[in-house]
N, C-alpha and C. Protein backbone atom coordinates (compact mmCIF):
# COMPACT_ATOMS: atom_id res chain seq x y z
N MET A 1 96.67 -3.36 52.41
CA MET A 1 97.17 -4.63 53.08
C MET A 1 97.02 -4.60 54.79
N ALA A 2 96.79 -5.48 55.36
CA ALA A 2 96.67 -5.70 56.87
C ALA A 2 98.87 -5.29 57.03
N LYS A 3 98.84 -5.23 58.55
CA LYS A 3 100.31 -4.74 59.05
C LYS A 3 101.18 -6.09 58.49
N GLU A 4 102.47 -5.85 57.67
CA GLU A 4 103.28 -7.07 57.63
C GLU A 4 103.81 -7.82 58.51
N ASN A 5 103.85 -6.51 59.56
CA ASN A 5 104.90 -7.22 60.89
C ASN A 5 104.28 -7.81 62.18
N ILE A 6 102.41 -8.00 61.86
CA ILE A 6 101.65 -9.06 62.29
C ILE A 6 102.75 -10.06 62.75
N THR A 7 102.38 -10.88 63.50
CA THR A 7 102.70 -12.09 63.79
C THR A 7 101.82 -13.34 62.93
N TYR A 8 102.18 -14.73 62.90
CA TYR A 8 101.58 -15.53 62.66
C TYR A 8 100.45 -15.50 63.46
N SER A 9 100.26 -16.12 64.23
CA SER A 9 99.45 -16.22 65.43
C SER A 9 98.49 -15.42 65.29
N GLU A 10 99.22 -14.22 65.29
CA GLU A 10 98.00 -12.65 65.40
C GLU A 10 97.22 -12.87 64.62
N ALA A 11 98.02 -13.24 63.35
CA ALA A 11 96.88 -13.03 61.77
C ALA A 11 95.50 -14.23 61.97
N MET A 12 96.27 -15.44 62.55
CA MET A 12 95.22 -16.52 62.53
C MET A 12 94.49 -16.21 63.49
N ALA A 13 94.73 -15.20 64.54
CA ALA A 13 93.52 -15.14 65.78
C ALA A 13 92.66 -14.65 64.96
N GLN A 14 92.59 -13.29 64.28
CA GLN A 14 91.99 -12.37 63.77
C GLN A 14 91.14 -13.02 62.49
N ILE A 15 91.85 -13.98 61.67
CA ILE A 15 90.85 -14.69 60.70
C ILE A 15 90.04 -15.50 61.50
N GLU A 16 90.31 -16.27 62.60
CA GLU A 16 89.47 -17.19 63.60
C GLU A 16 88.29 -16.28 63.79
N GLU A 17 88.53 -14.82 64.09
CA GLU A 17 87.86 -14.13 64.99
C GLU A 17 86.66 -13.80 63.72
N ILE A 18 86.76 -13.61 62.35
CA ILE A 18 86.27 -12.87 61.44
C ILE A 18 85.43 -14.10 60.89
N LEU A 19 86.35 -15.28 60.97
CA LEU A 19 85.10 -16.18 60.73
C LEU A 19 84.14 -16.86 61.55
N HIS A 20 84.41 -16.56 63.25
CA HIS A 20 83.56 -16.73 63.79
C HIS A 20 82.12 -15.94 63.82
N LYS A 21 82.48 -15.02 63.51
CA LYS A 21 81.48 -13.78 63.17
C LYS A 21 80.78 -13.91 61.98
N PHE A 22 81.35 -14.34 60.91
CA PHE A 22 80.91 -14.83 59.51
C PHE A 22 79.71 -16.10 59.88
N ASN A 23 80.32 -16.77 60.36
CA ASN A 23 79.63 -18.14 60.85
C ASN A 23 78.35 -18.09 61.70
N ASN A 24 78.74 -17.37 62.38
CA ASN A 24 77.38 -16.58 63.33
C ASN A 24 76.27 -15.81 62.88
N GLU A 25 76.51 -15.31 61.91
CA GLU A 25 75.71 -14.16 60.86
C GLU A 25 75.73 -13.28 62.04
N LYS A 26 77.04 -12.62 62.14
CA LYS A 26 77.07 -11.24 63.11
C LYS A 26 77.56 -9.95 62.08
N PHE A 27 77.56 -10.16 60.90
CA PHE A 27 78.02 -9.34 60.22
C PHE A 27 77.21 -8.12 59.69
N ASP A 28 77.38 -7.11 59.55
CA ASP A 28 76.55 -5.89 59.17
C ASP A 28 76.71 -5.96 57.88
N ILE A 29 75.99 -5.74 57.10
CA ILE A 29 76.14 -5.90 55.32
C ILE A 29 77.03 -4.73 54.96
N ASP A 30 77.13 -3.43 55.63
CA ASP A 30 78.16 -2.35 55.22
C ASP A 30 79.38 -2.82 55.82
N THR A 31 79.72 -3.72 56.38
CA THR A 31 80.95 -3.85 57.18
C THR A 31 81.37 -5.28 56.72
N LEU A 32 80.67 -6.22 55.93
CA LEU A 32 81.14 -7.45 55.43
C LEU A 32 82.44 -7.55 54.24
N ALA A 33 82.27 -6.25 53.15
CA ALA A 33 83.31 -6.03 52.01
C ALA A 33 84.83 -5.87 53.02
N VAL A 34 84.42 -5.28 53.91
CA VAL A 34 85.78 -4.43 54.73
C VAL A 34 86.44 -5.52 55.41
N GLU A 35 85.41 -6.59 56.07
CA GLU A 35 85.94 -7.98 56.99
C GLU A 35 86.16 -8.56 55.69
N VAL A 36 86.25 -8.75 54.70
CA VAL A 36 86.67 -10.20 53.81
C VAL A 36 87.57 -9.55 53.15
N LYS A 37 87.79 -8.29 53.20
CA LYS A 37 88.95 -7.41 52.41
C LYS A 37 90.55 -8.27 53.52
N LYS A 38 90.07 -7.76 54.85
CA LYS A 38 90.89 -7.72 55.89
C LYS A 38 91.07 -9.33 56.18
N ALA A 39 90.12 -10.24 56.15
CA ALA A 39 90.90 -11.55 55.88
C ALA A 39 91.42 -11.98 54.93
N THR A 40 90.86 -11.51 53.75
CA THR A 40 92.15 -11.86 52.38
C THR A 40 93.31 -11.60 52.47
N ASP A 41 93.73 -10.07 53.11
CA ASP A 41 94.88 -9.65 53.46
C ASP A 41 95.82 -10.69 54.71
N LEU A 42 95.00 -10.71 55.41
CA LEU A 42 95.73 -11.54 56.34
C LEU A 42 95.60 -13.26 55.88
N ILE A 43 94.67 -13.66 55.61
CA ILE A 43 95.54 -14.89 54.56
C ILE A 43 97.04 -14.58 53.94
N THR A 44 97.04 -13.93 53.17
CA THR A 44 98.44 -13.43 52.21
C THR A 44 99.28 -13.23 53.08
N ILE A 45 99.34 -12.20 54.44
CA ILE A 45 100.49 -12.51 55.10
C ILE A 45 100.45 -14.01 55.80
N CYS A 46 100.00 -14.74 56.09
CA CYS A 46 100.10 -16.03 56.36
C CYS A 46 101.00 -16.92 55.68
N LYS A 47 100.28 -16.74 54.56
CA LYS A 47 100.75 -17.61 53.68
C LYS A 47 102.04 -17.22 53.10
N SER A 48 102.15 -15.76 53.28
CA SER A 48 103.64 -15.44 53.06
C SER A 48 104.97 -16.29 54.12
N LYS A 49 104.22 -15.58 55.21
CA LYS A 49 104.91 -16.35 56.48
C LYS A 49 105.49 -17.65 56.76
N LEU A 50 104.38 -18.82 56.02
CA LEU A 50 104.40 -19.88 55.92
C LEU A 50 105.75 -20.65 55.29
N LEU A 51 105.80 -19.64 53.84
CA LEU A 51 106.39 -19.93 52.12
C LEU A 51 107.93 -19.88 52.93
N LYS A 52 108.05 -18.48 53.54
CA LYS A 52 109.61 -18.19 54.19
C LYS A 52 109.79 -19.17 55.45
N ALA A 53 109.14 -19.50 56.19
CA ALA A 53 109.65 -20.84 56.94
C ALA A 53 110.27 -21.91 56.27
N GLU A 54 108.98 -22.41 55.32
CA GLU A 54 109.20 -23.05 54.47
C GLU A 54 111.16 -23.00 53.66
N LYS A 55 111.04 -22.21 53.28
CA LYS A 55 112.02 -22.19 52.64
C LYS A 55 113.13 -21.70 53.68
N ASP A 56 113.23 -20.87 54.67
CA ASP A 56 114.24 -21.14 55.54
C ASP A 56 114.77 -22.65 56.53
N VAL A 57 113.63 -23.40 56.61
CA VAL A 57 113.79 -24.95 57.12
C VAL A 57 114.37 -25.47 56.13
N ASN A 58 114.51 -25.52 54.95
CA ASN A 58 115.10 -26.37 53.53
C ASN A 58 116.42 -25.87 53.12
N LYS A 59 116.65 -24.67 53.49
CA LYS A 59 118.02 -24.26 53.61
C LYS A 59 118.71 -24.62 54.68
N ILE A 60 118.36 -24.58 56.01
CA ILE A 60 118.95 -25.57 56.99
C ILE A 60 119.14 -26.93 56.73
N LEU A 61 118.33 -27.66 56.16
CA LEU A 61 118.33 -28.71 56.30
C LEU A 61 119.20 -29.15 54.96
N THR A 62 119.24 -28.66 53.89
CA THR A 62 120.66 -28.61 52.49
C THR A 62 121.88 -28.51 53.41
N LYS A 63 121.90 -27.06 54.17
CA LYS A 63 123.31 -27.04 55.01
C LYS A 63 123.93 -28.19 55.59
N ASN A 64 122.89 -28.87 55.90
CA ASN A 64 123.30 -30.04 57.23
C ASN A 64 123.48 -31.15 56.11
N ASP A 65 123.53 -31.54 55.01
CA ASP A 65 123.50 -32.37 54.27
C ASP A 65 124.84 -32.76 54.22
């Protein structure tokens, strides 16, 4: 899996770069699977960070009620 200590913004930038290459057909067939795996790992990290942020915000909002 990609680095867990990467920020959400960094992960999204890398995902966007991979998508840009994919959309412009700049992938070598030999690296396609590697890039898809990297994008999948980055998406998993982003999803995890979003879920944690949502949980933290809900905790703060519940605490203030």
